């Protein structure tokens, strides 16, 4: 008679080997993911506007701060500085502006409306209904500075900028309507020293590519952080304005497959 013995012992070495193999695979996946994450992080464009201080005098409603001449139809000569803080160069750079607080400024101008100049109003707005917010696409800034009537368009054209190497800076121009609205408010004594009064706010959209040809969008909010005026005799009023920024988002776009 043949007797077969059944063994109930567990092969722990085999199980341990299997677990070790699974853990090694998980560690390998995590290592690859982390390396890719680090690679992407190092190549993420870090484009940021610098804080800009403006010292102004002899300002009228349609004065361009840079040239002191009449401000242009769409673009002023007033500049801000943007810097590439990233480790990689930025190529194919374009930028545009959005009027962030249009409705708030429209209501403010209505409350200030006067029969005598200087006066202005925001009119004929057109909006695009996005998934998360309503975006102003165009409008008109109309008014009278006491000498002539004016009508400035508010649009969102895309302007081209030069490539930026790491730590390099570039200047961007500001839209005319932003300067005109600011002129209107700072030259009004009752408004300028009141911090309860809203000032125009812009959103700066920077579109660019990195050295791997990936498309990026970076958005910053531009706002007047501080403002004060100083009287200095016969020369009239002296204004100091500080334009600051707040990061809104940085987003990478997938390349479209053909």
Protein backbone atom coordinates (compact mmCIF):
# COMPACT_ATOMS: atom_id res chain seq x y z
CA UNK A 1 0.00 0.00 0.00
CA UNK A 2 1.30 3.45 -0.98
CA UNK A 3 0.67 6.30 1.45
CA UNK A 4 0.74 9.89 0.10
CA UNK A 5 1.50 12.54 2.68
CA UNK A 6 -0.10 15.97 2.14
CA UNK A 7 1.92 18.97 3.27
CA UNK A 8 0.07 22.03 4.57
CA UNK A 9 3.27 24.12 4.87
CA UNK A 10 3.36 27.52 3.09
CA UNK A 11 6.28 28.52 0.92
CA UNK A 12 7.00 31.88 2.53
CA UNK A 13 10.11 32.40 0.43
CA UNK A 14 8.05 32.27 -2.75
CA UNK A 15 5.47 34.69 -1.37
CA UNK A 16 8.18 37.06 -0.15
CA UNK A 17 9.80 36.92 -3.57
CA UNK A 18 6.50 37.78 -5.26
CA UNK A 19 5.87 40.70 -2.89
CA UNK A 20 9.39 41.97 -3.42
CA UNK A 21 8.89 41.78 -7.18
CA UNK A 22 5.63 43.76 -6.95
CA UNK A 23 7.21 46.37 -4.70
CA UNK A 24 10.17 46.72 -7.06
CA UNK A 25 7.75 47.32 -9.93
CA UNK A 26 5.85 49.96 -7.90
CA UNK A 27 9.11 51.69 -6.93
CA UNK A 28 10.22 51.68 -10.57
CA UNK A 29 6.91 53.24 -11.69
CA UNK A 30 7.11 55.88 -8.94
CA UNK A 31 10.73 56.64 -9.84
CA UNK A 32 9.85 57.11 -13.53
CA UNK A 33 6.86 59.30 -12.60
CA UNK A 34 8.96 61.41 -10.24
CA UNK A 35 11.68 61.87 -12.85
CA UNK A 36 9.08 62.98 -15.40
CA UNK A 37 7.47 65.28 -12.83
CA UNK A 38 10.86 66.82 -12.00
CA UNK A 39 11.67 67.16 -15.72
CA UNK A 40 8.35 68.91 -16.37
CA UNK A 41 8.70 71.10 -13.29
CA UNK A 42 12.15 72.29 -14.30
CA UNK A 43 10.86 73.19 -17.76
CA UNK A 44 7.67 74.90 -16.63
CA UNK A 45 7.86 78.53 -17.76
CA UNK A 46 7.96 80.93 -14.80
CA UNK A 47 7.00 84.25 -16.35
CA UNK A 48 6.16 87.03 -13.93
CA UNK A 49 5.59 90.81 -14.13
CA UNK A 50 7.80 92.90 -11.86
CA UNK A 51 6.33 95.43 -9.45
CA UNK A 52 6.41 98.76 -11.27
CA UNK A 53 6.41 102.21 -9.71
CA UNK A 54 5.25 105.22 -11.71
CA UNK A 55 6.07 108.81 -10.71
CA UNK A 56 3.80 111.20 -12.58
CA UNK A 57 3.18 114.93 -12.90
CA UNK A 58 1.26 117.23 -15.24
CA UNK A 59 -1.28 114.52 -16.04
CA UNK A 60 -4.45 115.17 -18.02
CA UNK A 61 -7.13 112.76 -19.13
CA UNK A 62 -5.52 111.69 -22.42
CA UNK A 63 -1.86 112.07 -21.45
CA UNK A 64 0.50 109.20 -22.19
CA UNK A 65 2.79 108.87 -19.16
CA UNK A 66 5.82 107.91 -21.23
CA UNK A 67 5.73 110.37 -24.12
CA UNK A 68 3.59 113.09 -22.46
CA UNK A 69 1.78 113.30 -25.80
CA UNK A 70 -1.80 112.31 -26.55
CA UNK A 71 -2.25 108.62 -25.87
CA UNK A 72 -2.56 106.20 -28.81
CA UNK A 73 -5.84 104.83 -30.11
CA UNK A 74 -5.28 101.30 -28.75
CA UNK A 75 -1.90 101.14 -27.08
CA UNK A 76 -0.04 103.48 -24.76
CA UNK A 77 3.73 103.80 -24.53
CA UNK A 78 3.57 102.93 -20.82
CA UNK A 79 5.49 99.72 -20.16
CA UNK A 80 5.74 96.98 -17.58
CA UNK A 81 8.61 94.52 -17.20
CA UNK A 82 8.16 90.74 -17.37
CA UNK A 83 10.92 88.35 -16.32
CA UNK A 84 11.62 84.69 -17.07
CA UNK A 85 12.42 83.14 -13.68
CA UNK A 86 12.50 79.61 -15.11
CA UNK A 87 15.48 77.42 -15.99
CA UNK A 88 14.59 77.10 -19.68
CA UNK A 89 14.14 79.56 -22.52
CA UNK A 90 10.67 80.65 -23.62
CA UNK A 91 9.89 80.83 -27.34
CA UNK A 92 6.94 81.91 -29.50
CA UNK A 93 5.73 84.30 -26.82
CA UNK A 94 2.51 86.29 -27.31
CA UNK A 95 0.41 88.26 -24.86
CA UNK A 96 -2.97 89.96 -24.49
CA UNK A 97 -5.01 91.75 -21.84
CA UNK A 98 -8.52 91.30 -20.48
CA UNK A 99 -10.48 94.04 -18.69
CA UNK A 100 -11.07 92.20 -15.41
CA UNK A 101 -13.52 94.50 -13.61
CA UNK A 102 -15.38 96.06 -16.54
CA UNK A 103 -18.81 95.98 -14.90
CA UNK A 104 -17.52 97.50 -11.67
CA UNK A 105 -15.87 100.36 -13.55
CA UNK A 106 -18.94 100.85 -15.74
CA UNK A 107 -21.10 101.32 -12.66
CA UNK A 108 -18.55 103.69 -11.14
CA UNK A 109 -18.48 105.93 -14.21
CA UNK A 110 -22.27 106.05 -14.25
CA UNK A 111 -22.26 107.27 -10.64
CA UNK A 112 -19.71 109.98 -11.58
CA UNK A 113 -21.56 111.06 -14.72
CA UNK A 114 -21.56 114.80 -15.19
CA UNK A 115 -22.99 117.17 -17.78
CA UNK A 116 -19.71 119.09 -17.89
CA UNK A 117 -16.30 117.68 -18.88
CA UNK A 118 -14.19 115.84 -18.12
CA UNK A 119 -16.58 112.93 -18.44
CA UNK A 120 -16.52 109.41 -19.79
CA UNK A 121 -18.53 106.23 -20.02
CA UNK A 122 -18.10 102.59 -20.99
CA UNK A 123 -20.50 101.48 -23.73
CA UNK A 124 -21.43 98.69 -26.16
CA UNK A 125 -19.88 95.73 -24.34
CA UNK A 126 -19.78 92.28 -25.91
CA UNK A 127 -19.16 89.19 -23.82
CA UNK A 128 -18.18 85.57 -24.31
CA UNK A 129 -19.78 83.06 -21.97
CA UNK A 130 -16.98 80.72 -20.88
CA UNK A 131 -17.29 77.57 -18.79
CA UNK A 132 -16.16 79.28 -15.60
CA UNK A 133 -16.56 83.00 -16.26
CA UNK A 134 -17.96 85.65 -18.57
CA UNK A 135 -15.22 87.32 -20.63
CA UNK A 136 -15.41 90.82 -22.12
CA UNK A 137 -14.36 90.67 -25.77
CA UNK A 138 -14.83 94.31 -26.75
CA UNK A 139 -16.36 97.63 -25.67
CA UNK A 140 -15.98 101.39 -26.13
CA UNK A 141 -14.61 104.07 -23.83
CA UNK A 142 -16.21 107.37 -24.81
CA UNK A 143 -15.92 110.80 -23.26
CA UNK A 144 -15.01 114.46 -23.40
CA UNK A 145 -11.79 115.87 -21.92
CA UNK A 146 -12.96 119.47 -22.23
CA UNK A 147 -11.26 120.07 -25.56
CA UNK A 148 -12.41 117.22 -27.71
CA UNK A 149 -14.62 114.17 -27.66
CA UNK A 150 -12.91 110.79 -27.81
CA UNK A 151 -13.85 107.17 -28.48
CA UNK A 152 -11.33 104.43 -27.62
CA UNK A 153 -11.92 100.78 -28.38
CA UNK A 154 -11.42 98.02 -25.81
CA UNK A 155 -10.36 94.80 -27.52
CA UNK A 156 -8.14 91.77 -26.89
CA UNK A 157 -5.58 91.63 -29.72
CA UNK A 158 -2.66 89.24 -29.37
CA UNK A 159 0.74 90.95 -29.44
CA UNK A 160 4.03 89.22 -30.21
CA UNK A 161 7.01 89.36 -27.85
CA UNK A 162 10.61 88.26 -28.26
CA UNK A 163 11.88 84.93 -26.85
CA UNK A 164 13.16 85.00 -23.27
CA UNK A 165 16.23 83.21 -21.99
CA UNK A 166 16.43 82.30 -18.26
CA UNK A 167 16.54 85.41 -16.03
CA UNK A 168 16.00 87.70 -19.02
CA UNK A 169 13.52 90.58 -18.89
CA UNK A 170 11.26 92.09 -21.55
CA UNK A 171 8.98 95.14 -21.64
CA UNK A 172 5.28 94.93 -22.54
CA UNK A 173 3.05 97.90 -23.36
CA UNK A 174 -0.24 98.61 -21.59
CA UNK A 175 -3.58 99.26 -23.34
CA UNK A 176 -4.70 102.88 -23.70
CA UNK A 177 -8.07 102.44 -21.97
CA UNK A 178 -6.31 101.27 -18.78
CA UNK A 179 -4.20 104.44 -18.64
CA UNK A 180 -7.11 106.76 -19.52
CA UNK A 181 -9.34 105.32 -16.79
CA UNK A 182 -6.49 105.62 -14.29
CA UNK A 183 -5.86 109.24 -15.38
CA UNK A 184 -9.53 110.04 -14.89
CA UNK A 185 -9.53 108.69 -11.34
CA UNK A 186 -6.20 110.05 -10.10
CA UNK A 187 -6.91 113.58 -11.35
CA UNK A 188 -10.18 113.65 -9.42
CA UNK A 189 -9.39 114.89 -5.90
CA UNK A 190 -12.46 113.29 -4.36
CA UNK A 191 -11.58 109.91 -5.85
CA UNK A 192 -7.82 109.62 -5.63
CA UNK A 193 -7.48 109.50 -1.85
CA UNK A 194 -10.45 107.20 -1.38
CA UNK A 195 -9.44 103.55 -1.22
CA UNK A 196 -13.08 102.52 -1.39
CA UNK A 197 -13.17 103.51 -5.06
CA UNK A 198 -12.31 100.69 -7.48
CA UNK A 199 -9.54 101.19 -10.00
CA UNK A 200 -9.25 99.37 -13.35
CA UNK A 201 -7.85 95.83 -13.13
CA UNK A 202 -6.28 93.91 -16.02
CA UNK A 203 -5.57 90.26 -16.61
CA UNK A 204 -2.35 89.61 -18.51
CA UNK A 205 -2.42 86.44 -20.66
CA UNK A 206 1.01 85.14 -21.71
CA UNK A 207 1.03 82.38 -24.35
CA UNK A 208 4.35 80.68 -25.05
CA UNK A 209 6.22 77.48 -25.87
CA UNK A 210 9.08 75.84 -24.00
CA UNK A 211 12.13 74.24 -25.62
CA UNK A 212 10.19 70.97 -25.97
CA UNK A 213 7.55 72.79 -28.09
CA UNK A 214 4.89 72.42 -25.41
CA UNK A 215 2.24 75.16 -25.26
CA UNK A 216 1.72 77.10 -22.03
CA UNK A 217 -0.64 79.78 -20.76
CA UNK A 218 0.20 81.95 -17.75
CA UNK A 219 -2.29 84.49 -16.38
CA UNK A 220 -1.60 87.35 -13.96
CA UNK A 221 -3.93 89.95 -12.49
CA UNK A 222 -2.52 93.50 -12.68
CA UNK A 223 -3.82 95.97 -10.11
CA UNK A 224 -2.89 99.27 -8.47
CA UNK A 225 -1.43 98.24 -5.14
CA UNK A 226 -0.78 101.69 -3.71
CA UNK A 227 -1.39 105.27 -4.74
CA UNK A 228 -0.75 108.70 -3.27
CA UNK A 229 -0.43 112.28 -4.42
CA UNK A 230 1.88 114.97 -3.16
CA UNK A 231 1.45 118.73 -3.62
CA UNK A 232 4.62 120.53 -4.62
CA UNK A 233 4.00 124.19 -5.29
CA UNK A 234 3.43 125.82 -8.65
CA UNK A 235 4.10 122.62 -10.62
CA UNK A 236 0.82 121.16 -9.47
CA UNK A 237 0.32 117.60 -8.30
CA UNK A 238 2.80 114.77 -8.18
CA UNK A 239 1.45 111.22 -8.31
CA UNK A 240 3.01 107.93 -7.31
CA UNK A 241 1.39 104.70 -8.45
CA UNK A 242 2.50 101.11 -7.84
CA UNK A 243 1.33 98.42 -10.25
CA UNK A 244 1.44 94.97 -8.67
CA UNK A 245 0.45 91.52 -9.89
CA UNK A 246 -1.15 88.32 -8.59
CA UNK A 247 -0.61 84.92 -10.19
CA UNK A 248 -3.89 83.37 -11.40
CA UNK A 249 -2.80 80.21 -13.21
CA UNK A 250 -0.16 78.43 -15.28
CA UNK A 251 -1.52 75.76 -17.60
CA UNK A 252 0.01 73.37 -20.11
CA UNK A 253 -1.96 72.49 -23.23
CA UNK A 254 -1.79 69.11 -24.91
CA UNK A 255 -0.49 69.07 -28.45
CA UNK A 256 -3.22 68.36 -30.96
CA UNK A 257 -2.85 65.03 -32.71
CA UNK A 258 -3.29 65.00 -36.46
